[in-house]
C-alpha cells in the first residue's frame, strides 16, 4: 500500500484495516519461530501482512503457551483465549487427533470462526495450526460475557 500524497514510501494499514483474526492451535513443542512463520505464511497466502492482524485467538487451555504469548507480543496484538463452549462447533476441517486430545473438533478454525467468516482455512506446520478470519462485529457481539472475560484476562496476562 502506498500513499502518493506524502511520497513514495510504504505506509502501515490504518487501525480500521487491522481486522484479521488469527486462530491458532499449538502442540506443547511449538516454538515462537514455528508460530510466527506459520502466521506469516497464512497472511501471505491472502496478500496480507502482520500489520493487518488485530488479534490472535486460541482455546483457553493454551492461553499461557509460551510460543503463542511471544507471538502476540512480537506482533503487538492481544492473545485472546476462548472457553470450549465459545468455539465454533462446525468447522470445514475437523481433526480426529485434536478431538482425541481436547474434546474439540478444531482449535485454529474454531477460534477464528468465533469472530467472523474464514478467509483462510486451517494450515499447519509440524507443531501448530493457523486459520484466518476477518473480524465481523456481528460475530463478536454474539460472544458470551464469559468469553469476553476470559479473553480480557488472557490479553492482560500476555502483557498487552
N, C-alpha and C. Protein backbone atom coordinates (compact mmCIF):
# COMPACT_ATOMS: atom_id res chain seq x y z
N UNK A 1 0.85 -1.16 0.00
CA UNK A 1 0.00 0.00 0.00
C UNK A 1 0.90 1.23 0.00
N UNK A 2 0.56 2.21 -0.81
CA UNK A 2 1.35 3.43 -0.90
C UNK A 2 0.43 4.63 -0.74
N UNK A 3 0.99 5.70 -0.23
CA UNK A 3 0.27 6.96 -0.12
C UNK A 3 1.07 7.98 -0.91
N UNK A 4 0.65 8.25 -2.15
CA UNK A 4 1.40 9.16 -3.01
C UNK A 4 1.35 10.60 -2.57
N UNK A 5 0.43 10.94 -1.67
CA UNK A 5 0.34 12.32 -1.22
C UNK A 5 1.50 12.69 -0.30
N UNK A 6 2.17 11.70 0.29
CA UNK A 6 3.28 12.02 1.19
C UNK A 6 4.60 11.44 0.70
N UNK A 7 4.65 11.03 -0.55
CA UNK A 7 5.89 10.47 -1.07
C UNK A 7 5.69 9.04 -1.50
N UNK A 8 6.79 8.37 -1.74
CA UNK A 8 6.69 7.03 -2.30
C UNK A 8 6.92 5.91 -1.28
N UNK A 9 7.07 6.25 -0.02
CA UNK A 9 7.33 5.21 0.98
C UNK A 9 6.09 4.43 1.34
N UNK A 10 6.26 3.19 1.77
CA UNK A 10 5.11 2.39 2.18
C UNK A 10 4.52 2.93 3.47
N UNK A 11 3.23 2.71 3.64
CA UNK A 11 2.58 3.11 4.88
C UNK A 11 1.95 1.88 5.51
N UNK A 12 1.74 1.94 6.82
CA UNK A 12 1.10 0.84 7.54
C UNK A 12 -0.41 0.94 7.35
N UNK A 13 -1.09 -0.19 7.40
CA UNK A 13 -2.55 -0.14 7.33
C UNK A 13 -3.11 0.67 8.49
N UNK A 14 -4.23 1.32 8.26
CA UNK A 14 -4.86 2.08 9.34
C UNK A 14 -5.45 1.11 10.35
N UNK A 15 -5.84 1.63 11.49
CA UNK A 15 -6.44 0.79 12.52
C UNK A 15 -7.65 0.06 11.98
N UNK A 16 -8.43 0.72 11.12
CA UNK A 16 -9.63 0.08 10.57
C UNK A 16 -9.27 -1.08 9.65
N UNK A 17 -8.05 -1.12 9.10
CA UNK A 17 -7.60 -2.22 8.25
C UNK A 17 -7.09 -3.39 9.08
N UNK A 18 -6.91 -3.19 10.38
CA UNK A 18 -6.38 -4.25 11.24
C UNK A 18 -7.52 -5.12 11.73
N UNK A 19 -8.17 -5.82 10.83
CA UNK A 19 -9.33 -6.61 11.20
C UNK A 19 -9.15 -8.10 11.05
N UNK A 20 -7.93 -8.58 10.94
CA UNK A 20 -7.69 -10.00 10.74
C UNK A 20 -7.52 -10.70 12.08
N UNK A 21 -8.28 -11.76 12.25
CA UNK A 21 -8.19 -12.59 13.45
C UNK A 21 -7.43 -13.86 13.07
N UNK A 22 -6.42 -14.17 13.85
CA UNK A 22 -5.60 -15.36 13.62
C UNK A 22 -5.96 -16.40 14.67
N UNK A 23 -6.62 -17.47 14.23
CA UNK A 23 -6.93 -18.59 15.11
C UNK A 23 -5.74 -19.54 15.15
N UNK A 24 -5.34 -19.93 16.35
CA UNK A 24 -4.13 -20.76 16.50
C UNK A 24 -4.36 -21.96 17.39
N UNK A 25 -3.76 -23.07 16.98
CA UNK A 25 -3.63 -24.25 17.81
C UNK A 25 -2.14 -24.54 17.90
N UNK A 26 -1.70 -25.12 19.00
CA UNK A 26 -0.27 -25.39 19.16
C UNK A 26 -0.03 -26.62 20.01
N UNK A 27 0.94 -27.41 19.61
CA UNK A 27 1.41 -28.51 20.44
C UNK A 27 2.31 -27.95 21.53
N UNK A 28 2.55 -28.74 22.54
CA UNK A 28 3.45 -28.32 23.62
C UNK A 28 4.82 -27.93 23.09
N UNK A 29 5.27 -28.57 22.01
CA UNK A 29 6.62 -28.36 21.47
C UNK A 29 6.73 -27.18 20.51
N UNK A 30 5.62 -26.49 20.24
CA UNK A 30 5.65 -25.36 19.30
C UNK A 30 6.58 -24.26 19.82
N UNK A 31 7.34 -23.67 18.90
CA UNK A 31 8.22 -22.55 19.25
C UNK A 31 7.64 -21.26 18.68
N UNK A 32 8.13 -20.17 19.19
CA UNK A 32 7.70 -18.87 18.67
C UNK A 32 7.99 -18.77 17.19
N UNK A 33 9.17 -19.23 16.77
CA UNK A 33 9.52 -19.18 15.34
C UNK A 33 8.54 -20.01 14.50
N UNK A 34 8.14 -21.19 15.00
CA UNK A 34 7.16 -22.02 14.28
C UNK A 34 5.87 -21.24 14.08
N UNK A 35 5.38 -20.65 15.16
CA UNK A 35 4.09 -19.96 15.12
C UNK A 35 4.15 -18.72 14.23
N UNK A 36 5.19 -17.92 14.39
CA UNK A 36 5.31 -16.70 13.56
C UNK A 36 5.48 -17.05 12.08
N UNK A 37 6.25 -18.07 11.77
CA UNK A 37 6.43 -18.46 10.36
C UNK A 37 5.11 -18.91 9.76
N UNK A 38 4.32 -19.68 10.52
CA UNK A 38 3.03 -20.14 10.03
C UNK A 38 2.06 -18.98 9.83
N UNK A 39 2.04 -18.06 10.78
CA UNK A 39 1.18 -16.88 10.64
C UNK A 39 1.56 -16.09 9.39
N UNK A 40 2.86 -15.86 9.20
CA UNK A 40 3.32 -15.10 8.03
C UNK A 40 2.93 -15.82 6.74
N UNK A 41 3.08 -17.14 6.70
CA UNK A 41 2.72 -17.92 5.52
C UNK A 41 1.24 -17.76 5.20
N UNK A 42 0.40 -17.87 6.22
CA UNK A 42 -1.04 -17.74 6.03
C UNK A 42 -1.43 -16.34 5.56
N UNK A 43 -0.87 -15.34 6.20
CA UNK A 43 -1.15 -13.96 5.78
C UNK A 43 -0.72 -13.74 4.34
N UNK A 44 0.45 -14.22 4.00
CA UNK A 44 0.97 -14.06 2.64
C UNK A 44 0.05 -14.71 1.61
N UNK A 45 -0.51 -15.88 1.94
CA UNK A 45 -1.44 -16.54 1.02
C UNK A 45 -2.64 -15.66 0.69
N UNK A 46 -3.00 -14.79 1.62
CA UNK A 46 -4.15 -13.90 1.44
C UNK A 46 -3.74 -12.51 0.98
N UNK A 47 -2.45 -12.32 0.71
CA UNK A 47 -1.97 -11.00 0.30
C UNK A 47 -1.96 -9.99 1.43
N UNK A 48 -1.82 -10.48 2.65
CA UNK A 48 -1.84 -9.64 3.83
C UNK A 48 -0.48 -9.64 4.52
N UNK A 49 -0.30 -8.70 5.44
CA UNK A 49 0.93 -8.62 6.22
C UNK A 49 0.58 -8.68 7.71
N UNK A 50 1.58 -8.84 8.57
CA UNK A 50 1.32 -8.83 10.01
C UNK A 50 0.66 -7.54 10.49
N UNK A 51 0.82 -6.45 9.75
CA UNK A 51 0.18 -5.19 10.13
C UNK A 51 -1.34 -5.26 10.09
N UNK A 52 -1.89 -6.24 9.39
CA UNK A 52 -3.34 -6.39 9.29
C UNK A 52 -3.95 -7.15 10.47
N UNK A 53 -3.12 -7.75 11.29
CA UNK A 53 -3.61 -8.61 12.37
C UNK A 53 -4.15 -7.77 13.53
N UNK A 54 -5.36 -8.09 13.95
CA UNK A 54 -5.98 -7.41 15.10
C UNK A 54 -5.75 -8.19 16.39
N UNK A 55 -5.78 -9.53 16.29
CA UNK A 55 -5.63 -10.35 17.49
C UNK A 55 -5.33 -11.80 17.12
N UNK A 56 -4.70 -12.47 18.05
CA UNK A 56 -4.52 -13.92 17.98
C UNK A 56 -5.53 -14.53 18.93
N UNK A 57 -6.08 -15.68 18.55
CA UNK A 57 -7.10 -16.33 19.36
C UNK A 57 -6.80 -17.82 19.46
N UNK A 58 -6.99 -18.38 20.63
CA UNK A 58 -6.80 -19.80 20.84
C UNK A 58 -7.79 -20.29 21.89
N UNK A 59 -7.68 -21.54 22.23
CA UNK A 59 -8.53 -22.14 23.25
C UNK A 59 -7.96 -21.77 24.64
N UNK A 60 -8.83 -21.67 25.61
CA UNK A 60 -8.46 -21.20 26.95
C UNK A 60 -7.28 -21.98 27.55
N UNK A 61 -7.26 -23.29 27.36
CA UNK A 61 -6.18 -24.09 27.98
C UNK A 61 -4.81 -23.79 27.40
N UNK A 62 -4.74 -23.06 26.28
CA UNK A 62 -3.46 -22.71 25.67
C UNK A 62 -3.09 -21.24 25.89
N UNK A 63 -3.81 -20.56 26.75
CA UNK A 63 -3.62 -19.11 26.94
C UNK A 63 -2.23 -18.74 27.43
N UNK A 64 -1.54 -19.66 28.08
CA UNK A 64 -0.20 -19.34 28.60
C UNK A 64 0.91 -20.04 27.81
N UNK A 65 0.57 -20.61 26.65
CA UNK A 65 1.59 -21.29 25.85
C UNK A 65 2.66 -20.27 25.48
N UNK A 66 3.92 -20.53 25.83
CA UNK A 66 4.98 -19.54 25.62
C UNK A 66 5.11 -19.06 24.17
N UNK A 67 4.93 -19.95 23.20
CA UNK A 67 5.06 -19.55 21.80
C UNK A 67 3.92 -18.63 21.37
N UNK A 68 2.73 -18.89 21.86
CA UNK A 68 1.59 -18.05 21.50
C UNK A 68 1.68 -16.68 22.16
N UNK A 69 2.06 -16.67 23.43
CA UNK A 69 2.24 -15.41 24.15
C UNK A 69 3.33 -14.57 23.47
N UNK A 70 4.44 -15.19 23.13
CA UNK A 70 5.55 -14.47 22.48
C UNK A 70 5.16 -13.99 21.08
N UNK A 71 4.41 -14.78 20.35
CA UNK A 71 3.97 -14.35 19.01
C UNK A 71 3.07 -13.12 19.12
N UNK A 72 2.17 -13.12 20.09
CA UNK A 72 1.30 -11.95 20.28
C UNK A 72 2.13 -10.72 20.63
N UNK A 73 3.09 -10.89 21.51
CA UNK A 73 3.97 -9.76 21.87
C UNK A 73 4.73 -9.25 20.66
N UNK A 74 5.29 -10.16 19.88
CA UNK A 74 6.06 -9.79 18.69
C UNK A 74 5.20 -9.00 17.71
N UNK A 75 3.96 -9.44 17.53
CA UNK A 75 3.06 -8.77 16.59
C UNK A 75 2.39 -7.54 17.19
N UNK A 76 2.49 -7.38 18.50
CA UNK A 76 1.89 -6.22 19.16
C UNK A 76 0.38 -6.28 19.22
N UNK A 77 -0.16 -7.49 19.36
CA UNK A 77 -1.61 -7.67 19.42
C UNK A 77 -1.95 -8.54 20.62
N UNK A 78 -3.21 -8.51 21.06
CA UNK A 78 -3.60 -9.36 22.19
C UNK A 78 -3.72 -10.83 21.78
N UNK A 79 -3.49 -11.69 22.73
CA UNK A 79 -3.77 -13.11 22.60
C UNK A 79 -5.04 -13.36 23.39
N UNK A 80 -6.12 -13.70 22.70
CA UNK A 80 -7.40 -13.95 23.34
C UNK A 80 -7.58 -15.45 23.52
N UNK A 81 -8.17 -15.85 24.62
CA UNK A 81 -8.41 -17.26 24.90
C UNK A 81 -9.89 -17.48 25.11
N UNK A 82 -10.45 -18.41 24.37
CA UNK A 82 -11.88 -18.69 24.45
C UNK A 82 -12.15 -20.00 25.18
N UNK A 83 -13.23 -20.01 25.93
CA UNK A 83 -13.69 -21.24 26.58
C UNK A 83 -14.16 -22.21 25.50
N UNK A 84 -14.09 -23.49 25.78
CA UNK A 84 -14.50 -24.51 24.81
C UNK A 84 -15.88 -24.22 24.24
N UNK A 85 -16.82 -23.84 25.10
CA UNK A 85 -18.20 -23.63 24.64
C UNK A 85 -18.36 -22.40 23.74
N UNK A 86 -17.36 -21.54 23.68
CA UNK A 86 -17.43 -20.35 22.83
C UNK A 86 -16.76 -20.56 21.47
N UNK A 87 -16.19 -21.73 21.26
CA UNK A 87 -15.59 -22.05 19.97
C UNK A 87 -16.66 -22.56 19.01
N UNK A 88 -16.48 -22.27 17.73
CA UNK A 88 -17.41 -22.77 16.72
C UNK A 88 -17.42 -24.29 16.75
N UNK A 89 -18.60 -24.88 16.67
CA UNK A 89 -18.70 -26.34 16.71
C UNK A 89 -18.53 -26.96 15.33
N UNK A 90 -18.95 -26.25 14.30
CA UNK A 90 -18.87 -26.76 12.94
C UNK A 90 -17.72 -26.06 12.22
N UNK A 91 -16.78 -26.84 11.75
CA UNK A 91 -15.61 -26.30 11.06
C UNK A 91 -15.39 -27.06 9.76
N UNK A 92 -14.73 -26.44 8.78
CA UNK A 92 -14.50 -27.11 7.50
C UNK A 92 -13.63 -28.36 7.60
N UNK A 93 -12.67 -28.35 8.51
CA UNK A 93 -11.71 -29.45 8.60
C UNK A 93 -11.54 -29.93 10.04
N UNK A 94 -12.52 -30.66 10.57
CA UNK A 94 -12.37 -31.18 11.93
C UNK A 94 -11.19 -32.16 11.99
N UNK A 95 -10.59 -32.27 13.16
CA UNK A 95 -9.43 -33.12 13.33
C UNK A 95 -9.71 -34.20 14.38
N UNK A 96 -9.57 -35.46 13.98
CA UNK A 96 -9.76 -36.56 14.92
C UNK A 96 -8.71 -36.52 16.02
N UNK A 97 -7.49 -36.10 15.67
CA UNK A 97 -6.42 -36.03 16.67
C UNK A 97 -6.72 -34.95 17.70
N UNK A 98 -7.15 -33.78 17.25
CA UNK A 98 -7.50 -32.70 18.18
C UNK A 98 -8.68 -33.15 19.06
N UNK A 99 -9.64 -33.80 18.45
CA UNK A 99 -10.80 -34.29 19.20
C UNK A 99 -10.37 -35.27 20.31
N UNK A 100 -9.45 -36.17 19.99
CA UNK A 100 -8.95 -37.13 20.99
C UNK A 100 -8.26 -36.42 22.16
N UNK A 101 -7.48 -35.38 21.86
CA UNK A 101 -6.69 -34.71 22.89
C UNK A 101 -7.46 -33.63 23.67
N UNK A 102 -8.42 -32.99 23.01
CA UNK A 102 -9.08 -31.83 23.63
C UNK A 102 -10.59 -31.97 23.80
N UNK A 103 -11.18 -32.90 23.07
CA UNK A 103 -12.64 -32.99 23.08
C UNK A 103 -13.28 -31.99 22.12
N UNK A 104 -12.45 -31.30 21.35
CA UNK A 104 -12.92 -30.30 20.37
C UNK A 104 -12.60 -30.79 18.96
N UNK A 105 -13.44 -30.43 18.01
CA UNK A 105 -13.20 -30.82 16.62
C UNK A 105 -12.08 -30.00 15.99
N UNK A 106 -11.82 -28.82 16.57
CA UNK A 106 -10.84 -27.91 15.99
C UNK A 106 -10.45 -26.88 17.03
N UNK A 107 -9.26 -26.33 16.88
CA UNK A 107 -8.86 -25.18 17.69
C UNK A 107 -8.66 -23.97 16.78
N UNK A 108 -7.80 -24.06 15.78
CA UNK A 108 -7.48 -22.90 14.94
C UNK A 108 -8.70 -22.38 14.19
N UNK A 109 -9.36 -23.26 13.43
CA UNK A 109 -10.53 -22.81 12.66
C UNK A 109 -11.67 -22.38 13.59
N UNK A 110 -11.91 -23.15 14.63
CA UNK A 110 -13.00 -22.81 15.56
C UNK A 110 -12.75 -21.47 16.24
N UNK A 111 -11.48 -21.20 16.59
CA UNK A 111 -11.14 -19.92 17.23
C UNK A 111 -11.36 -18.76 16.27
N UNK A 112 -10.89 -18.90 15.04
CA UNK A 112 -11.05 -17.84 14.04
C UNK A 112 -12.54 -17.62 13.73
N UNK A 113 -13.28 -18.72 13.59
CA UNK A 113 -14.71 -18.62 13.26
C UNK A 113 -15.53 -17.96 14.35
N UNK A 114 -15.04 -17.92 15.56
CA UNK A 114 -15.77 -17.25 16.64
C UNK A 114 -15.87 -15.75 16.41
N UNK A 115 -15.03 -15.22 15.51
CA UNK A 115 -15.00 -13.77 15.28
C UNK A 115 -15.46 -13.34 13.90
N UNK A 116 -15.62 -14.28 12.98
CA UNK A 116 -16.05 -13.91 11.64
C UNK A 116 -15.83 -15.05 10.67
N UNK A 117 -16.26 -14.84 9.42
CA UNK A 117 -16.11 -15.89 8.41
C UNK A 117 -14.63 -16.13 8.08
N UNK A 118 -14.30 -17.38 7.78
CA UNK A 118 -12.92 -17.71 7.46
C UNK A 118 -12.48 -17.07 6.16
N UNK A 119 -11.28 -16.50 6.19
CA UNK A 119 -10.61 -16.05 4.98
C UNK A 119 -9.69 -17.14 4.46
N UNK A 120 -9.14 -17.90 5.40
CA UNK A 120 -8.21 -18.97 5.05
C UNK A 120 -8.45 -20.14 5.99
N UNK A 121 -8.76 -21.29 5.42
CA UNK A 121 -8.94 -22.48 6.23
C UNK A 121 -7.62 -22.91 6.85
N UNK A 122 -7.70 -23.84 7.76
CA UNK A 122 -6.57 -24.30 8.55
C UNK A 122 -5.36 -24.66 7.69
N UNK A 123 -4.22 -24.15 8.11
CA UNK A 123 -2.92 -24.54 7.58
C UNK A 123 -2.13 -25.06 8.76
N UNK A 124 -1.18 -25.93 8.50
CA UNK A 124 -0.43 -26.49 9.63
C UNK A 124 1.05 -26.61 9.31
N UNK A 125 1.81 -26.60 10.38
CA UNK A 125 3.21 -26.99 10.33
C UNK A 125 3.32 -28.16 11.30
N UNK A 126 4.52 -28.60 11.61
CA UNK A 126 4.67 -29.77 12.48
C UNK A 126 4.13 -29.56 13.89
N UNK A 127 4.10 -28.30 14.36
CA UNK A 127 3.74 -28.07 15.76
C UNK A 127 2.59 -27.09 15.98
N UNK A 128 2.01 -26.55 14.92
CA UNK A 128 0.95 -25.55 15.10
C UNK A 128 -0.03 -25.57 13.94
N UNK A 129 -1.21 -25.01 14.18
CA UNK A 129 -2.21 -24.82 13.14
C UNK A 129 -2.65 -23.36 13.17
N UNK A 130 -3.09 -22.87 12.01
CA UNK A 130 -3.48 -21.46 11.89
C UNK A 130 -4.62 -21.34 10.90
N UNK A 131 -5.59 -20.51 11.20
CA UNK A 131 -6.69 -20.16 10.30
C UNK A 131 -6.95 -18.67 10.45
N UNK A 132 -7.41 -18.04 9.39
CA UNK A 132 -7.64 -16.59 9.41
C UNK A 132 -9.11 -16.27 9.18
N UNK A 133 -9.59 -15.25 9.88
CA UNK A 133 -10.92 -14.70 9.62
C UNK A 133 -10.84 -13.18 9.67
N UNK A 134 -11.86 -12.56 9.13
CA UNK A 134 -11.97 -11.10 9.24
C UNK A 134 -12.96 -10.83 10.36
N UNK A 135 -12.55 -10.00 11.29
CA UNK A 135 -13.40 -9.69 12.45
C UNK A 135 -14.70 -9.05 11.97
N UNK A 136 -15.80 -9.65 12.34
CA UNK A 136 -17.13 -9.19 11.99
C UNK A 136 -17.86 -8.84 13.29
N UNK A 137 -18.23 -7.56 13.49
CA UNK A 137 -18.85 -7.15 14.76
C UNK A 137 -20.08 -7.98 15.13
N UNK A 138 -20.82 -8.49 14.15
CA UNK A 138 -22.00 -9.29 14.49
C UNK A 138 -21.60 -10.61 15.13
N UNK A 139 -20.40 -11.11 14.83
CA UNK A 139 -19.91 -12.32 15.48
C UNK A 139 -19.43 -11.99 16.89
N UNK A 140 -18.61 -10.94 17.02
CA UNK A 140 -18.04 -10.63 18.33
C UNK A 140 -19.10 -10.14 19.30
N UNK A 141 -20.13 -9.49 18.80
CA UNK A 141 -21.21 -9.06 19.69
C UNK A 141 -21.97 -10.25 20.24
N UNK A 142 -21.92 -11.36 19.53
CA UNK A 142 -22.63 -12.56 19.98
C UNK A 142 -21.85 -13.35 21.02
N UNK A 143 -20.59 -12.97 21.25
CA UNK A 143 -19.78 -13.69 22.24
C UNK A 143 -20.40 -13.55 23.62
N UNK A 144 -20.29 -14.60 24.40
CA UNK A 144 -20.82 -14.54 25.75
C UNK A 144 -19.96 -13.66 26.63
N UNK A 145 -20.51 -13.22 27.74
CA UNK A 145 -19.73 -12.40 28.67
C UNK A 145 -18.59 -13.23 29.26
N UNK A 146 -18.78 -14.53 29.42
CA UNK A 146 -17.71 -15.39 29.93
C UNK A 146 -16.54 -15.41 28.95
N UNK A 147 -16.83 -15.47 27.67
CA UNK A 147 -15.76 -15.48 26.67
C UNK A 147 -15.01 -14.14 26.69
N UNK A 148 -15.76 -13.05 26.80
CA UNK A 148 -15.09 -11.74 26.85
C UNK A 148 -14.22 -11.63 28.10
N UNK A 149 -14.70 -12.15 29.23
CA UNK A 149 -13.91 -12.10 30.45
C UNK A 149 -12.65 -12.93 30.31
N UNK A 150 -12.76 -14.14 29.74
CA UNK A 150 -11.59 -14.99 29.52
C UNK A 150 -10.62 -14.32 28.57
N UNK A 151 -11.16 -13.68 27.53
CA UNK A 151 -10.31 -13.01 26.55
C UNK A 151 -9.56 -11.85 27.19
N UNK A 152 -10.24 -11.08 28.00
CA UNK A 152 -9.61 -9.94 28.66
C UNK A 152 -8.52 -10.41 29.60
N UNK A 153 -8.80 -11.46 30.35
CA UNK A 153 -7.82 -12.00 31.28
C UNK A 153 -6.59 -12.48 30.53
N UNK A 154 -6.80 -13.20 29.44
CA UNK A 154 -5.69 -13.73 28.66
C UNK A 154 -4.85 -12.60 28.07
N UNK A 155 -5.50 -11.58 27.53
CA UNK A 155 -4.78 -10.46 26.94
C UNK A 155 -3.95 -9.74 27.98
N UNK A 156 -4.50 -9.59 29.18
CA UNK A 156 -3.75 -8.91 30.21
C UNK A 156 -2.59 -9.76 30.71
N UNK A 157 -2.77 -11.09 30.70
CA UNK A 157 -1.69 -11.98 31.11
C UNK A 157 -0.55 -11.95 30.11
N UNK A 158 -0.87 -11.66 28.84
CA UNK A 158 0.17 -11.59 27.82
C UNK A 158 0.93 -10.27 27.89
N UNK A 159 0.52 -9.39 28.79
CA UNK A 159 1.22 -8.12 28.97
C UNK A 159 0.82 -7.07 27.96
N UNK A 160 -0.39 -7.22 27.38
CA UNK A 160 -0.84 -6.26 26.37
C UNK A 160 -1.90 -5.37 26.94
